[in-house]
Amino acid sequence: MAKYTEIYIALRARIEGGRYAFRQFLPSEKALTAEFGVTRNTLRKALRHLSSQGYVQSMQGRGVQVIYRPRTSPRIFLSNIESFAEASERMGMTPRTVLLSSRRTVVDDALGAVSGLPAGAGALSIERLRLLDERPVIVDRSWFLTAVVPSIPDEAAVSSIYDYLENELGVRTYSSSRIVTIEAADELDRRHLDLRGLECVGVVEALGFDASGTPFEYTLSHHVPQTFGFVSVAQRFPLRP
C-alpha cells in the first residue's frame, strides 16, 4: 500500500471517529509530516484525497479544516472507489458475498450501447448478492472484458474482486464514471434483497477504466434504500479570472 494511502486511511479514521471534529483544523503540516515520517508532497497527496472525498477543506493561510459530519446510520457512500469489504470495515459491519452466477459471454449490441464496452468482445458476467450483518442489501451484476481480465476465480468473486485484480493481475480501476438513479425493484431484487416492503432500489451504473483509459468493467448495483447513500463534493469556480 502506498504511504499516502496509509496516511489517508489513518486521518480518515480519526475524522470519522471524532478525534478531529467538524470544523476543527488538522494538526499542521510540520506536525503530520513528523508523525508519519513523510515528505510534504506525500502528506499533501493524502490531504488532496481526503478533500476529494468531502472530509477536509484547505483554507489558505489557516490550515486544513474538517468538513465531514458524522452520519447517524450506516451507509455505503459512493464518493470513492471502495470495495464492499472496505466499506463494511469502515462501517463496523460484517460483510458476506454470495456468488449467484459466473459465466463467459459476449458483449451484445444492447449491452455495448448502454455500457460503453465494445460489442462483440468477450466478457465475464458475474452476479453477486451482498449482505451486511446477514441482511441482503445489494445485488451486483458485473461484466469484465476478458482481454483485460481473463478469469476471476469464484473465491475472488466472494472475497474481493478489486484485491484480485490489483494484486494478482496487476489491473487497477484507475477511474470510474457513475450514474446514480432510483428505480423500481425488478424480479431479481425482489427475489434476493431485503426490501422491507419497499418497491424501489438505488441503482449505481458504473463504467471502470484502467490506467490506459480502456473501459473494461461495467457494473449495475441495486441497493436497498436504507444503506444507500451518495456524497458529492462540489466546488464553485469564478466564471471570470
C-alpha atoms as a PDB file:
ATOM      1  CA  MET A   1       0.000   0.000   0.000  1.00  0.00           C
ATOM      2  CA  ALA A   2       1.327   3.447  -0.921  1.00  0.00           C
ATOM      3  CA  LYS A   3       2.374   5.609   2.013  1.00  0.00           C
ATOM      4  CA  TYR A   4      -0.041   8.403   1.125  1.00  0.00           C
ATOM      5  CA  THR A   5      -2.867   5.842   1.169  1.00  0.00           C
ATOM      6  CA  GLU A   6      -1.874   4.732   4.671  1.00  0.00           C
ATOM      7  CA  ILE A   7      -1.930   8.368   5.815  1.00  0.00           C
ATOM      8  CA  TYR A   8      -5.296   8.930   4.135  1.00  0.00           C
ATOM      9  CA  ILE A   9      -6.794   5.897   5.889  1.00  0.00           C
ATOM     10  CA  ALA A  10      -5.351   6.919   9.271  1.00  0.00           C
ATOM     11  CA  LEU A  11      -6.595  10.513   9.038  1.00  0.00           C
ATOM     12  CA  ARG A  12      -9.983   9.402   7.719  1.00  0.00           C
ATOM     13  CA  ALA A  13     -10.378   7.062  10.706  1.00  0.00           C
ATOM     14  CA  ARG A  14      -9.539   9.893  13.095  1.00  0.00           C
ATOM     15  CA  ILE A  15     -12.072  12.176  11.426  1.00  0.00           C
ATOM     16  CA  GLU A  16     -14.834   9.564  11.349  1.00  0.00           C
ATOM     17  CA  GLY A  17     -14.043   8.588  14.942  1.00  0.00           C
ATOM     18  CA  GLY A  18     -14.396  12.174  16.155  1.00  0.00           C
ATOM     19  CA  ARG A  19     -10.776  12.803  17.093  1.00  0.00           C
ATOM     20  CA  TYR A  20     -10.794  15.638  14.574  1.00  0.00           C
ATOM     21  CA  ALA A  21     -14.296  17.081  14.838  1.00  0.00           C
ATOM     22  CA  PHE A  22     -16.414  19.045  12.374  1.00  0.00           C
ATOM     23  CA  ARG A  23     -14.814  22.470  11.652  1.00  0.00           C
ATOM     24  CA  GLN A  24     -11.724  21.615  13.675  1.00  0.00           C
ATOM     25  CA  PHE A  25      -8.349  22.143  11.995  1.00  0.00           C
ATOM     26  CA  LEU A  26      -5.980  19.245  11.455  1.00  0.00           C
ATOM     27  CA  PRO A  27      -2.512  19.431  13.004  1.00  0.00           C
ATOM     28  CA  SER A  28      -0.012  21.454  10.983  1.00  0.00           C
ATOM     29  CA  GLU A  29       1.862  20.040   8.004  1.00  0.00           C
ATOM     30  CA  LYS A  30       5.023  20.097  10.094  1.00  0.00           C
ATOM     31  CA  ALA A  31       3.397  18.036  12.847  1.00  0.00           C
ATOM     32  CA  LEU A  32       1.846  15.496  10.461  1.00  0.00           C
ATOM     33  CA  THR A  33       4.967  15.010   8.336  1.00  0.00           C
ATOM     34  CA  ALA A  34       6.946  14.415  11.526  1.00  0.00           C
ATOM     35  CA  GLU A  35       4.345  11.964  12.869  1.00  0.00           C
ATOM     36  CA  PHE A  36       4.152   9.890   9.688  1.00  0.00           C
ATOM     37  CA  GLY A  37       7.785  10.337   8.652  1.00  0.00           C
ATOM     38  CA  VAL A  38       6.988  11.532   5.128  1.00  0.00           C
ATOM     39  CA  THR A  39       7.654  14.484   2.866  1.00  0.00           C
ATOM     40  CA  ARG A  40       5.205  17.348   2.434  1.00  0.00           C
ATOM     41  CA  ASN A  41       4.379  16.128  -1.071  1.00  0.00           C
ATOM     42  CA  THR A  42       3.309  12.719   0.249  1.00  0.00           C
ATOM     43  CA  LEU A  43       1.215  14.301   3.002  1.00  0.00           C
ATOM     44  CA  ARG A  44      -0.400  16.728   0.576  1.00  0.00           C
ATOM     45  CA  LYS A  45      -1.369  13.849  -1.710  1.00  0.00           C
ATOM     46  CA  ALA A  46      -3.203  12.224   1.214  1.00  0.00           C
ATOM     47  CA  LEU A  47      -4.871  15.537   2.085  1.00  0.00           C
ATOM     48  CA  ARG A  48      -5.993  16.048  -1.522  1.00  0.00           C
ATOM     49  CA  HIS A  49      -7.565  12.597  -1.409  1.00  0.00           C
ATOM     50  CA  LEU A  50      -9.392  13.498   1.821  1.00  0.00           C
ATOM     51  CA  SER A  51     -10.543  16.748   0.232  1.00  0.00           C
ATOM     52  CA  SER A  52     -11.860  14.973  -2.863  1.00  0.00           C
ATOM     53  CA  GLN A  53     -13.948  12.702  -0.608  1.00  0.00           C
ATOM     54  CA  GLY A  54     -15.506  15.581   1.333  1.00  0.00           C
ATOM     55  CA  TYR A  55     -13.579  15.134   4.585  1.00  0.00           C
ATOM     56  CA  VAL A  56     -11.492  18.318   4.663  1.00  0.00           C
ATOM     57  CA  GLN A  57     -11.079  21.704   3.014  1.00  0.00           C
ATOM     58  CA  SER A  58      -7.787  23.558   2.677  1.00  0.00           C
ATOM     59  CA  MET A  59      -8.026  27.194   3.747  1.00  0.00           C
ATOM     60  CA  GLN A  60      -5.221  29.439   2.591  1.00  0.00           C
ATOM     61  CA  GLY A  61      -3.231  30.866   5.463  1.00  0.00           C
ATOM     62  CA  ARG A  62      -5.223  28.952   8.078  1.00  0.00           C
ATOM     63  CA  GLY A  63      -4.701  25.242   7.501  1.00  0.00           C
ATOM     64  CA  VAL A  64      -6.887  22.239   6.696  1.00  0.00           C
ATOM     65  CA  GLN A  65     -10.357  22.196   8.246  1.00  0.00           C
ATOM     66  CA  VAL A  66     -12.602  19.169   8.781  1.00  0.00           C
ATOM     67  CA  ILE A  67     -15.901  19.488   6.878  1.00  0.00           C
ATOM     68  CA  TYR A  68     -17.092  15.901   7.427  1.00  0.00           C
ATOM     69  CA  ARG A  69     -20.228  15.450   9.521  1.00  0.00           C
ATOM     70  CA  PRO A  70     -20.919  12.037  11.081  1.00  0.00           C
ATOM     71  CA  ARG A  71     -23.922  10.125   9.737  1.00  0.00           C
ATOM     72  CA  THR A  72     -26.435   8.591  12.105  1.00  0.00           C
ATOM     73  CA  SER A  73     -26.976   5.416  10.076  1.00  0.00           C
ATOM     74  CA  PRO A  74     -24.576   3.087   8.244  1.00  0.00           C
ATOM     75  CA  ARG A  75     -24.356   3.845   4.542  1.00  0.00           C
ATOM     76  CA  ILE A  76     -22.394   2.650   1.579  1.00  0.00           C
ATOM     77  CA  PHE A  77     -21.334   6.007   0.189  1.00  0.00           C
ATOM     78  CA  LEU A  78     -20.427   6.358  -3.448  1.00  0.00           C
ATOM     79  CA  SER A  79     -17.899   9.174  -3.172  1.00  0.00           C
ATOM     80  CA  ASN A  80     -14.900   6.995  -3.944  1.00  0.00           C
ATOM     81  CA  ILE A  81     -13.841   3.724  -5.496  1.00  0.00           C
ATOM     82  CA  GLU A  82     -14.247   1.491  -2.460  1.00  0.00           C
ATOM     83  CA  SER A  83     -14.708  -2.256  -2.357  1.00  0.00           C
ATOM     84  CA  PHE A  84     -17.631  -3.788  -0.461  1.00  0.00           C
ATOM     85  CA  ALA A  85     -15.198  -5.238   2.087  1.00  0.00           C
ATOM     86  CA  GLU A  86     -13.580  -1.820   2.596  1.00  0.00           C
ATOM     87  CA  ALA A  87     -16.963  -0.119   3.022  1.00  0.00           C
ATOM     88  CA  SER A  88     -18.103  -2.771   5.512  1.00  0.00           C
ATOM     89  CA  GLU A  89     -14.930  -2.363   7.561  1.00  0.00           C
ATOM     90  CA  ARG A  90     -15.433   1.405   7.618  1.00  0.00           C
ATOM     91  CA  MET A  91     -18.993   0.929   8.933  1.00  0.00           C
ATOM     92  CA  GLY A  92     -18.020  -1.703  11.503  1.00  0.00           C
ATOM     93  CA  MET A  93     -20.330  -4.297   9.948  1.00  0.00           C
ATOM     94  CA  THR A  94     -19.750  -7.902   8.909  1.00  0.00           C
ATOM     95  CA  PRO A  95     -19.838  -8.430   5.131  1.00  0.00           C
ATOM     96  CA  ARG A  96     -20.648 -11.570   3.220  1.00  0.00           C
ATOM     97  CA  THR A  97     -20.907 -12.160  -0.515  1.00  0.00           C
ATOM     98  CA  VAL A  98     -22.868 -14.930  -2.235  1.00  0.00           C
ATOM     99  CA  LEU A  99     -21.966 -15.764  -5.830  1.00  0.00           C
ATOM    100  CA  LEU A 100     -25.215 -16.128  -7.775  1.00  0.00           C
ATOM    101  CA  SER A 101     -23.689 -16.845 -11.183  1.00  0.00           C
ATOM    102  CA  SER A 102     -20.418 -16.642 -13.111  1.00  0.00           C
ATOM    103  CA  ARG A 103     -20.100 -17.319 -16.822  1.00  0.00           C
ATOM    104  CA  ARG A 104     -18.363 -16.314 -20.021  1.00  0.00           C
ATOM    105  CA  THR A 105     -20.340 -14.321 -22.544  1.00  0.00           C
ATOM    106  CA  VAL A 106     -20.036 -11.876 -25.425  1.00  0.00           C
ATOM    107  CA  VAL A 107     -20.964  -8.198 -25.227  1.00  0.00           C
ATOM    108  CA  ASP A 108     -24.024  -7.920 -27.460  1.00  0.00           C
ATOM    109  CA  ASP A 109     -25.181  -4.744 -29.200  1.00  0.00           C
ATOM    110  CA  ALA A 110     -27.676  -3.865 -26.466  1.00  0.00           C
ATOM    111  CA  LEU A 111     -25.133  -4.223 -23.646  1.00  0.00           C
ATOM    112  CA  GLY A 112     -22.499  -2.380 -25.668  1.00  0.00           C
ATOM    113  CA  ALA A 113     -24.870   0.538 -26.274  1.00  0.00           C
ATOM    114  CA  VAL A 114     -25.651   1.068 -22.586  1.00  0.00           C
ATOM    115  CA  SER A 115     -22.290   0.119 -21.097  1.00  0.00           C
ATOM    116  CA  GLY A 116     -19.608   1.570 -23.332  1.00  0.00           C
ATOM    117  CA  LEU A 117     -17.961  -1.845 -23.659  1.00  0.00           C
ATOM    118  CA  PRO A 118     -17.210  -2.841 -27.276  1.00  0.00           C
ATOM    119  CA  ALA A 119     -19.885  -5.016 -28.860  1.00  0.00           C
ATOM    120  CA  GLY A 120     -18.581  -8.439 -29.838  1.00  0.00           C
ATOM    121  CA  ALA A 121     -15.881  -8.503 -27.158  1.00  0.00           C
ATOM    122  CA  GLY A 122     -15.550 -11.462 -24.810  1.00  0.00           C
ATOM    123  CA  ALA A 123     -16.574 -10.821 -21.224  1.00  0.00           C
ATOM    124  CA  LEU A 124     -17.015 -12.410 -17.824  1.00  0.00           C
ATOM    125  CA  SER A 125     -20.534 -11.996 -16.435  1.00  0.00           C
ATOM    126  CA  ILE A 126     -20.775 -12.188 -12.645  1.00  0.00           C
ATOM    127  CA  GLU A 127     -23.821 -11.773 -10.392  1.00  0.00           C
ATOM    128  CA  ARG A 128     -23.346 -11.428  -6.639  1.00  0.00           C
ATOM    129  CA  LEU A 129     -25.515 -10.879  -3.591  1.00  0.00           C
ATOM    130  CA  ARG A 130     -24.031  -8.681  -0.856  1.00  0.00           C
ATOM    131  CA  LEU A 131     -25.001  -8.981   2.802  1.00  0.00           C
ATOM    132  CA  LEU A 132     -24.267  -6.688   5.758  1.00  0.00           C
ATOM    133  CA  ASP A 133     -24.664  -8.372   9.142  1.00  0.00           C
ATOM    134  CA  GLU A 134     -26.515 -11.120   7.193  1.00  0.00           C
ATOM    135  CA  ARG A 135     -29.040  -8.686   5.674  1.00  0.00           C
ATOM    136  CA  PRO A 136     -29.134  -8.874   1.836  1.00  0.00           C
ATOM    137  CA  VAL A 137     -28.573  -5.272   0.749  1.00  0.00           C
ATOM    138  CA  ILE A 138     -27.031  -5.254  -2.762  1.00  0.00           C
ATOM    139  CA  VAL A 139     -27.304  -7.216  -5.977  1.00  0.00           C
ATOM    140  CA  ASP A 140     -24.292  -6.645  -8.247  1.00  0.00           C
ATOM    141  CA  ARG A 141     -24.268  -7.505 -11.954  1.00  0.00           C
ATOM    142  CA  SER A 142     -20.808  -7.067 -13.480  1.00  0.00           C
ATOM    143  CA  TRP A 143     -19.158  -7.584 -16.855  1.00  0.00           C
ATOM    144  CA  PHE A 144     -15.358  -7.659 -17.254  1.00  0.00           C
ATOM    145  CA  LEU A 145     -13.613  -7.729 -20.629  1.00  0.00           C
ATOM    146  CA  THR A 146     -11.620 -10.951 -20.893  1.00  0.00           C
ATOM    147  CA  ALA A 147      -8.931  -9.110 -22.888  1.00  0.00           C
ATOM    148  CA  VAL A 148      -8.078  -7.305 -19.634  1.00  0.00           C
ATOM    149  CA  VAL A 149      -9.404  -9.778 -17.047  1.00  0.00           C
ATOM    150  CA  PRO A 150      -9.005 -13.332 -18.426  1.00  0.00           C
ATOM    151  CA  SER A 151     -10.647 -15.009 -15.429  1.00  0.00           C
ATOM    152  CA  ILE A 152     -11.900 -14.398 -11.906  1.00  0.00           C
ATOM    153  CA  PRO A 153     -11.871 -17.385  -9.528  1.00  0.00           C
ATOM    154  CA  ASP A 154     -15.031 -17.963  -7.509  1.00  0.00           C
ATOM    155  CA  GLU A 155     -13.025 -17.383  -4.309  1.00  0.00           C
ATOM    156  CA  ALA A 156     -12.043 -13.901  -5.518  1.00  0.00           C
ATOM    157  CA  ALA A 157     -15.621 -13.116  -6.549  1.00  0.00           C
ATOM    158  CA  VAL A 158     -16.843 -13.698  -2.987  1.00  0.00           C
ATOM    159  CA  SER A 159     -13.912 -12.025  -1.236  1.00  0.00           C
ATOM    160  CA  SER A 160     -12.746  -9.006  -3.227  1.00  0.00           C
ATOM    161  CA  ILE A 161     -12.503  -8.727  -6.986  1.00  0.00           C
ATOM    162  CA  TYR A 162     -10.579  -5.455  -6.629  1.00  0.00           C
ATOM    163  CA  ASP A 163      -7.940  -7.191  -4.498  1.00  0.00           C
ATOM    164  CA  TYR A 164      -7.635  -9.974  -7.057  1.00  0.00           C
ATOM    165  CA  LEU A 165      -7.359  -7.568  -9.988  1.00  0.00           C
ATOM    166  CA  GLU A 166      -4.769  -5.377  -8.285  1.00  0.00           C
ATOM    167  CA  ASN A 167      -2.643  -7.990  -6.519  1.00  0.00           C
ATOM    168  CA  GLU A 168      -2.864 -10.981  -8.874  1.00  0.00           C
ATOM    169  CA  LEU A 169      -3.424  -9.462 -12.314  1.00  0.00           C
ATOM    170  CA  GLY A 170      -1.869  -6.037 -11.798  1.00  0.00           C
ATOM    171  CA  VAL A 171      -5.037  -4.363 -13.082  1.00  0.00           C
ATOM    172  CA  ARG A 172      -6.264  -1.290 -11.232  1.00  0.00           C
ATOM    173  CA  THR A 173      -9.511   0.582 -11.706  1.00  0.00           C
ATOM    174  CA  TYR A 174      -7.962   3.979 -12.304  1.00  0.00           C
ATOM    175  CA  SER A 175     -11.246   5.860 -12.604  1.00  0.00           C
ATOM    176  CA  SER A 176     -14.946   5.142 -12.718  1.00  0.00           C
ATOM    177  CA  SER A 177     -17.809   7.081 -14.292  1.00  0.00           C
ATOM    178  CA  ARG A 178     -21.094   6.604 -12.460  1.00  0.00           C
ATOM    179  CA  ILE A 179     -24.771   7.266 -12.971  1.00  0.00           C
ATOM    180  CA  VAL A 180     -26.973   7.106  -9.866  1.00  0.00           C
ATOM    181  CA  THR A 181     -30.742   6.667 -10.143  1.00  0.00           C
ATOM    182  CA  ILE A 182     -33.735   5.468  -8.140  1.00  0.00           C
ATOM    183  CA  GLU A 183     -35.681   2.781  -9.959  1.00  0.00           C
ATOM    184  CA  ALA A 184     -38.456   0.271  -9.403  1.00  0.00           C
ATOM    185  CA  ALA A 185     -37.253  -3.032  -7.971  1.00  0.00           C
ATOM    186  CA  ASP A 186     -37.044  -5.802 -10.558  1.00  0.00           C
ATOM    187  CA  GLU A 187     -37.644  -9.530 -10.170  1.00  0.00           C
ATOM    188  CA  LEU A 188     -34.035 -10.268  -9.158  1.00  0.00           C
ATOM    189  CA  ASP A 189     -34.231  -7.570  -6.472  1.00  0.00           C
ATOM    190  CA  ARG A 190     -37.499  -8.884  -5.067  1.00  0.00           C
ATOM    191  CA  ARG A 191     -36.129 -12.426  -5.049  1.00  0.00           C
ATOM    192  CA  HIS A 192     -32.881 -11.676  -3.225  1.00  0.00           C
ATOM    193  CA  LEU A 193     -32.967  -8.311  -1.403  1.00  0.00           C
ATOM    194  CA  ASP A 194     -34.468  -7.488   1.993  1.00  0.00           C
ATOM    195  CA  LEU A 195     -36.588  -4.588   0.712  1.00  0.00           C
ATOM    196  CA  ARG A 196     -38.773  -4.445   3.845  1.00  0.00           C
ATOM    197  CA  GLY A 197     -41.918  -3.636   1.917  1.00  0.00           C
ATOM    198  CA  LEU A 198     -40.381  -1.032  -0.377  1.00  0.00           C
ATOM    199  CA  GLU A 199     -40.620  -1.315  -4.149  1.00  0.00           C
ATOM    200  CA  CYS A 200     -37.635   0.813  -5.144  1.00  0.00           C
ATOM    201  CA  VAL A 201     -33.852   0.448  -5.175  1.00  0.00           C
ATOM    202  CA  GLY A 202     -30.884   2.754  -5.538  1.00  0.00           C
ATOM    203  CA  VAL A 203     -29.108   1.900  -8.783  1.00  0.00           C
ATOM    204  CA  VAL A 204     -25.467   2.662  -9.496  1.00  0.00           C
ATOM    205  CA  GLU A 205     -24.330   2.195 -13.083  1.00  0.00           C
ATOM    206  CA  ALA A 206     -20.515   2.246 -13.190  1.00  0.00           C
ATOM    207  CA  LEU A 207     -18.007   2.016 -16.019  1.00  0.00           C
ATOM    208  CA  GLY A 208     -14.449   1.337 -14.857  1.00  0.00           C
ATOM    209  CA  PHE A 209     -11.309   2.375 -16.752  1.00  0.00           C
ATOM    210  CA  ASP A 210      -7.771   1.068 -16.357  1.00  0.00           C
ATOM    211  CA  ALA A 211      -4.619   3.239 -16.354  1.00  0.00           C
ATOM    212  CA  SER A 212      -4.511   3.280 -20.175  1.00  0.00           C
ATOM    213  CA  GLY A 213      -8.045   4.676 -20.366  1.00  0.00           C
ATOM    214  CA  THR A 214      -9.553   1.394 -21.544  1.00  0.00           C
ATOM    215  CA  PRO A 215     -13.106   0.711 -20.298  1.00  0.00           C
ATOM    216  CA  PHE A 216     -13.007  -2.853 -19.018  1.00  0.00           C
ATOM    217  CA  GLU A 217     -15.644  -3.189 -16.274  1.00  0.00           C
ATOM    218  CA  TYR A 218     -19.353  -2.397 -16.282  1.00  0.00           C
ATOM    219  CA  THR A 219     -21.401  -2.928 -13.126  1.00  0.00           C
ATOM    220  CA  LEU A 220     -25.037  -2.417 -12.194  1.00  0.00           C
ATOM    221  CA  SER A 221     -25.522  -2.346  -8.419  1.00  0.00           C
ATOM    222  CA  HIS A 222     -29.034  -2.416  -6.939  1.00  0.00           C
ATOM    223  CA  HIS A 223     -29.103  -1.216  -3.311  1.00  0.00           C
ATOM    224  CA  VAL A 224     -31.801  -1.361  -0.651  1.00  0.00           C
ATOM    225  CA  PRO A 225     -32.643   2.255   0.276  1.00  0.00           C
ATOM    226  CA  GLN A 226     -31.675   2.005   3.957  1.00  0.00           C
ATOM    227  CA  THR A 227     -27.949   1.520   3.310  1.00  0.00           C
ATOM    228  CA  PHE A 228     -27.679   3.552   0.125  1.00  0.00           C
ATOM    229  CA  GLY A 229     -26.077   6.989   0.045  1.00  0.00           C
ATOM    230  CA  PHE A 230     -24.382   9.348  -2.358  1.00  0.00           C
ATOM    231  CA  VAL A 231     -21.896  12.058  -1.418  1.00  0.00           C
ATOM    232  CA  SER A 232     -20.964  14.685  -3.984  1.00  0.00           C
ATOM    233  CA  VAL A 233     -18.153  17.134  -3.299  1.00  0.00           C
ATOM    234  CA  ALA A 234     -18.661  20.264  -5.381  1.00  0.00           C
ATOM    235  CA  GLN A 235     -16.729  23.481  -5.748  1.00  0.00           C
ATOM    236  CA  ARG A 236     -17.802  26.696  -7.424  1.00  0.00           C
ATOM    237  CA  PHE A 237     -15.146  28.384  -9.501  1.00  0.00           C
ATOM    238  CA  PRO A 238     -15.445  32.023 -10.598  1.00  0.00           C
ATOM    239  CA  LEU A 239     -16.521  32.467 -14.202  1.00  0.00           C
ATOM    240  CA  ARG A 240     -14.170  35.396 -14.645  1.00  0.00           C
ATOM    241  CA  PRO A 241     -10.422  35.457 -13.899  1.00  0.00           C
END
